[in-house]
N, C-alpha and C. Protein backbone atom coordinates (compact mmCIF):
# COMPACT_ATOMS: atom_id res chain seq x y z
N MET A 1 89.92 19.79 -34.27
CA MET A 1 90.49 18.45 -34.35
C MET A 1 89.80 17.58 -34.99
N ARG A 2 88.51 17.67 -35.12
CA ARG A 2 87.75 16.61 -35.80
C ARG A 2 87.97 16.91 -37.21
N GLU A 3 87.90 17.89 -37.90
CA GLU A 3 88.05 18.13 -39.25
C GLU A 3 89.46 17.73 -39.59
N ARG A 4 90.66 17.88 -38.94
CA ARG A 4 91.76 17.45 -39.08
C ARG A 4 91.88 15.94 -39.02
N ALA A 5 91.39 15.37 -38.17
CA ALA A 5 91.38 13.78 -38.03
C ALA A 5 90.70 13.16 -39.15
N VAL A 6 89.59 13.87 -39.49
CA VAL A 6 88.95 13.24 -40.73
C VAL A 6 89.61 13.32 -42.11
N ARG A 7 90.13 14.68 -42.18
CA ARG A 7 90.86 14.94 -43.26
C ARG A 7 92.26 13.95 -43.56
N LEU A 8 92.83 13.61 -42.50
CA LEU A 8 93.99 12.78 -42.42
C LEU A 8 93.63 11.37 -42.80
N VAL A 9 92.36 11.06 -42.23
CA VAL A 9 92.03 9.56 -42.67
C VAL A 9 91.69 9.50 -44.43
N PHE A 10 91.03 10.58 -44.77
CA PHE A 10 90.76 10.74 -46.20
C PHE A 10 91.94 10.86 -47.13
N GLU A 11 92.92 11.37 -46.60
CA GLU A 11 94.26 11.61 -47.23
C GLU A 11 94.97 10.55 -47.42
N HIS A 12 94.97 9.53 -46.26
CA HIS A 12 96.02 8.57 -46.18
C HIS A 12 95.24 7.03 -46.37
N GLN A 13 93.89 6.99 -46.50
CA GLN A 13 93.52 5.68 -46.51
C GLN A 13 93.71 4.83 -47.46
N ASP A 14 94.26 5.45 -48.73
CA ASP A 14 94.78 4.59 -49.94
C ASP A 14 96.21 3.83 -49.45
N GLU A 15 96.76 4.42 -48.50
CA GLU A 15 98.15 3.88 -48.05
C GLU A 15 97.80 2.48 -47.25
N TYR A 16 96.56 2.32 -46.72
CA TYR A 16 96.21 1.29 -45.83
C TYR A 16 95.39 0.29 -46.50
N GLY A 17 95.38 -1.14 -45.96
CA GLY A 17 94.63 -2.03 -46.58
C GLY A 17 93.25 -1.78 -46.48
N SER A 18 92.57 -0.97 -45.56
CA SER A 18 91.19 -0.71 -45.34
C SER A 18 91.03 0.70 -44.58
N GLN A 19 89.93 1.17 -44.75
CA GLN A 19 89.52 2.49 -44.09
C GLN A 19 89.67 2.26 -42.52
N TRP A 20 89.31 1.17 -42.14
CA TRP A 20 89.68 0.91 -40.60
C TRP A 20 90.98 1.07 -40.16
N ALA A 21 92.10 0.31 -40.95
CA ALA A 21 93.22 0.46 -40.73
C ALA A 21 93.80 1.84 -40.72
N ALA A 22 93.34 2.65 -41.48
CA ALA A 22 93.67 4.12 -41.62
C ALA A 22 93.26 4.84 -40.46
N ILE A 23 91.89 4.57 -40.13
CA ILE A 23 91.28 5.17 -39.03
C ILE A 23 92.07 4.84 -37.69
N THR A 24 92.47 3.62 -37.52
CA THR A 24 93.17 3.16 -36.36
C THR A 24 94.53 3.84 -36.15
N SER A 25 95.08 3.87 -37.36
CA SER A 25 96.48 4.53 -37.21
C SER A 25 96.36 5.99 -36.79
N VAL A 26 95.53 6.64 -37.60
CA VAL A 26 95.49 8.10 -37.37
C VAL A 26 94.81 8.31 -35.96
N ALA A 27 93.76 7.61 -35.42
CA ALA A 27 93.52 7.82 -34.02
C ALA A 27 94.73 7.63 -33.13
N THR A 28 95.26 6.59 -33.37
CA THR A 28 96.53 6.46 -32.32
C THR A 28 97.44 7.47 -32.43
N LYS A 29 97.89 7.90 -33.55
CA LYS A 29 98.77 8.96 -33.58
C LYS A 29 98.19 10.35 -32.84
N LEU A 30 96.83 10.42 -32.98
CA LEU A 30 96.30 11.64 -32.47
C LEU A 30 95.98 11.68 -30.96
N GLY A 31 95.99 10.51 -30.49
CA GLY A 31 95.53 10.15 -29.00
C GLY A 31 94.17 9.94 -28.69
N MET A 32 93.55 9.40 -29.71
CA MET A 32 92.17 9.24 -29.58
C MET A 32 91.49 7.89 -29.77
N THR A 33 90.37 7.43 -29.45
CA THR A 33 89.88 6.28 -29.78
C THR A 33 89.41 6.17 -31.16
N PRO A 34 89.78 4.74 -31.73
CA PRO A 34 89.41 4.58 -33.23
C PRO A 34 87.91 4.84 -33.50
N GLU A 35 87.11 4.37 -32.51
CA GLU A 35 85.54 4.37 -32.53
C GLU A 35 85.11 5.79 -32.82
N THR A 36 85.62 6.68 -32.00
CA THR A 36 85.11 8.10 -32.12
C THR A 36 85.63 8.83 -33.50
N LEU A 37 86.74 8.26 -33.92
CA LEU A 37 87.25 8.82 -35.18
C LEU A 37 86.39 7.94 -36.27
N ARG A 38 86.07 6.94 -36.30
CA ARG A 38 85.15 6.24 -37.25
C ARG A 38 83.89 6.90 -37.23
N LYS A 39 83.31 7.20 -36.19
CA LYS A 39 82.00 7.91 -36.20
C LYS A 39 82.15 9.35 -36.78
N TRP A 40 83.30 10.04 -36.57
CA TRP A 40 83.50 11.49 -37.32
C TRP A 40 83.41 11.11 -38.77
N VAL A 41 84.35 10.06 -39.13
CA VAL A 41 84.53 9.95 -40.65
C VAL A 41 83.12 9.41 -41.38
N ARG A 42 82.01 8.45 -40.67
CA ARG A 42 81.04 8.27 -41.38
C ARG A 42 80.17 9.51 -41.36
N ARG A 43 80.07 10.24 -40.41
CA ARG A 43 79.40 11.55 -40.51
C ARG A 43 79.98 12.59 -41.43
N ALA A 44 81.28 12.67 -41.72
CA ALA A 44 81.70 13.36 -42.82
C ALA A 44 81.41 12.88 -44.21
N GLU A 45 81.44 11.54 -44.36
CA GLU A 45 81.04 10.97 -45.65
C GLU A 45 79.73 11.34 -45.97
N ILE A 46 78.70 11.30 -45.03
CA ILE A 46 77.35 11.43 -45.20
C ILE A 46 77.19 12.98 -45.71
N ASP A 47 77.87 13.84 -44.83
CA ASP A 47 77.57 15.22 -45.18
C ASP A 47 78.25 15.67 -46.51
N GLU A 48 79.25 14.97 -46.99
CA GLU A 48 79.75 15.21 -48.37
C GLU A 48 79.01 14.42 -49.54
N GLY A 49 78.20 13.67 -49.17
CA GLY A 49 77.35 12.89 -50.04
C GLY A 49 78.09 11.64 -50.38
N ARG A 50 79.16 11.21 -49.96
CA ARG A 50 79.78 10.01 -50.13
C ARG A 50 78.94 8.57 -49.62
N ARG A 51 78.20 8.86 -48.75
CA ARG A 51 77.36 7.83 -48.15
C ARG A 51 76.03 8.30 -47.94
N PRO A 52 75.06 7.47 -48.05
CA PRO A 52 73.59 7.72 -47.82
C PRO A 52 73.16 8.09 -46.34
N GLY A 53 72.21 8.98 -46.07
CA GLY A 53 71.87 9.51 -44.83
C GLY A 53 71.62 10.84 -44.62
N LEU A 54 71.07 11.17 -43.51
CA LEU A 54 70.76 12.53 -43.25
C LEU A 54 71.95 13.16 -43.03
N THR A 55 72.26 14.38 -43.62
CA THR A 55 73.36 15.23 -43.30
C THR A 55 73.18 15.79 -41.86
N THR A 56 74.11 16.20 -41.32
CA THR A 56 74.19 17.07 -40.12
C THR A 56 73.13 18.05 -40.18
N THR A 57 73.13 18.83 -41.16
CA THR A 57 72.27 20.08 -41.20
C THR A 57 70.64 19.57 -41.32
N GLU A 58 70.48 18.46 -42.11
CA GLU A 58 69.14 17.84 -42.24
C GLU A 58 68.71 17.24 -40.82
N ARG A 59 69.73 16.72 -40.07
CA ARG A 59 69.35 16.15 -38.77
C ARG A 59 68.93 17.21 -37.81
N GLU A 60 69.75 18.38 -37.90
CA GLU A 60 69.38 19.51 -36.93
C GLU A 60 68.00 20.10 -37.35
N ARG A 61 67.83 20.17 -38.79
CA ARG A 61 66.40 20.71 -39.00
C ARG A 61 65.17 19.69 -38.80
N LEU A 62 65.50 18.49 -38.69
CA LEU A 62 64.69 17.53 -38.28
C LEU A 62 64.17 17.58 -36.94
N LYS A 63 65.27 17.86 -36.06
CA LYS A 63 65.13 17.95 -34.52
C LYS A 63 64.39 19.26 -34.24
N GLU A 64 64.68 20.34 -34.94
CA GLU A 64 63.87 21.66 -34.64
C GLU A 64 62.37 21.38 -35.07
N LEU A 65 62.11 20.61 -36.21
CA LEU A 65 60.71 20.43 -36.61
C LEU A 65 60.00 19.42 -35.61
N GLU A 66 60.84 18.42 -35.19
CA GLU A 66 59.97 17.60 -34.23
C GLU A 66 59.72 18.36 -32.81
N LYS A 67 60.59 19.26 -32.30
CA LYS A 67 60.44 20.17 -31.26
C LYS A 67 59.06 21.19 -31.61
N GLU A 68 59.08 21.78 -32.68
CA GLU A 68 58.12 22.75 -33.11
C GLU A 68 56.74 21.87 -33.04
N ASN A 69 56.78 20.62 -33.72
CA ASN A 69 55.56 19.90 -33.76
C ASN A 69 55.00 19.53 -32.39
N LYS A 70 55.89 19.03 -31.50
CA LYS A 70 55.54 18.83 -30.02
C LYS A 70 54.91 19.93 -29.40
N GLU A 71 55.41 21.26 -29.61
CA GLU A 71 54.89 22.38 -29.10
C GLU A 71 53.53 22.82 -29.63
N LEU A 72 53.45 22.48 -30.86
CA LEU A 72 52.24 22.84 -31.54
C LEU A 72 50.97 21.82 -31.03
N ARG A 73 51.42 20.75 -31.05
CA ARG A 73 50.43 19.72 -30.41
C ARG A 73 49.89 20.00 -29.14
N ARG A 74 50.89 20.55 -28.23
CA ARG A 74 50.58 20.90 -26.95
C ARG A 74 49.64 22.09 -27.03
N ALA A 75 49.92 23.01 -27.58
CA ALA A 75 49.09 24.12 -27.93
C ALA A 75 47.80 23.95 -28.36
N ASN A 76 47.65 22.86 -29.25
CA ASN A 76 46.27 22.47 -29.61
C ASN A 76 45.55 21.61 -28.70
N GLU A 77 46.20 20.98 -27.87
CA GLU A 77 45.40 20.26 -26.68
C GLU A 77 44.82 21.31 -25.74
N ILE A 78 45.85 22.57 -25.42
CA ILE A 78 45.15 23.60 -24.51
C ILE A 78 44.02 24.31 -25.29
N LEU A 79 44.12 24.56 -26.54
CA LEU A 79 42.99 25.13 -27.25
C LEU A 79 41.72 24.20 -27.30
N LYS A 80 41.74 22.93 -27.42
CA LYS A 80 40.69 22.13 -27.47
C LYS A 80 40.05 22.11 -25.93
N ALA A 81 40.80 22.05 -25.08
CA ALA A 81 40.34 22.12 -23.72
C ALA A 81 39.86 23.30 -23.29
N ALA A 82 40.10 24.49 -23.77
CA ALA A 82 39.64 25.71 -23.55
C ALA A 82 38.26 25.83 -24.34
N ALA A 83 38.13 25.36 -25.55
CA ALA A 83 36.85 25.30 -26.26
C ALA A 83 35.80 24.50 -25.64
N ALA A 84 36.22 23.32 -25.22
CA ALA A 84 35.28 22.52 -24.50
C ALA A 84 34.67 23.11 -23.13
N PHE A 85 35.52 23.71 -22.59
CA PHE A 85 35.11 24.47 -21.29
C PHE A 85 34.43 25.39 -21.61
N PHE A 86 34.62 26.46 -22.47
CA PHE A 86 33.62 27.60 -22.87
C PHE A 86 32.20 27.09 -23.56
N GLY A 87 32.46 26.07 -24.31
CA GLY A 87 31.21 25.35 -24.89
C GLY A 87 30.43 25.02 -23.76
N ALA A 88 30.88 24.24 -22.84
CA ALA A 88 29.98 23.67 -21.79
C ALA A 88 29.65 24.87 -21.06
N GLU A 89 30.23 25.75 -20.78
CA GLU A 89 29.70 27.11 -20.10
C GLU A 89 28.75 27.64 -20.66
N LEU A 90 28.63 27.80 -21.90
CA LEU A 90 27.67 28.16 -22.74
C LEU A 90 26.12 27.45 -22.57
N ASP A 91 26.47 26.17 -22.65
CA ASP A 91 25.30 25.21 -22.58
C ASP A 91 24.57 25.41 -21.27
N ARG A 92 25.18 25.80 -20.10
CA ARG A 92 24.75 25.83 -18.78
C ARG A 92 23.83 27.15 -18.50
N ARG A 93 24.04 28.01 -19.42
CA ARG A 93 23.47 29.39 -19.16
C ARG A 93 21.81 29.30 -19.56
N PRO A 94 21.09 29.79 -18.80
CA PRO A 94 19.49 29.70 -18.81
C PRO A 94 19.07 30.27 -20.16
N LYS A 95 18.32 29.74 -20.91
CA LYS A 95 17.94 30.35 -22.09
C LYS A 95 16.69 31.17 -21.99
N LYS A 96 16.60 32.31 -22.46
CA LYS A 96 15.52 33.14 -22.27
C LYS A 96 14.47 33.28 -23.33
């Protein structure tokens, strides 16, 4: 439905005074809110290079990288704590 709605806006926006008018008309005909369709149109424009911004693929990749970064930071903290623990343990052993 999303692709069809966005395609209809792109195909018929020249028939209206503004893109918003086309969005409102198409949204009404499809029984959805104009704001939802407007967001879909903006996202499609970015994905197609018509508008600046991160594409859907880039946004997904960024989200994956942020998650991986968070996990690596957590693992790093665990390793630091383990190193400090074992380092302190070695310092406590009596020297011969």
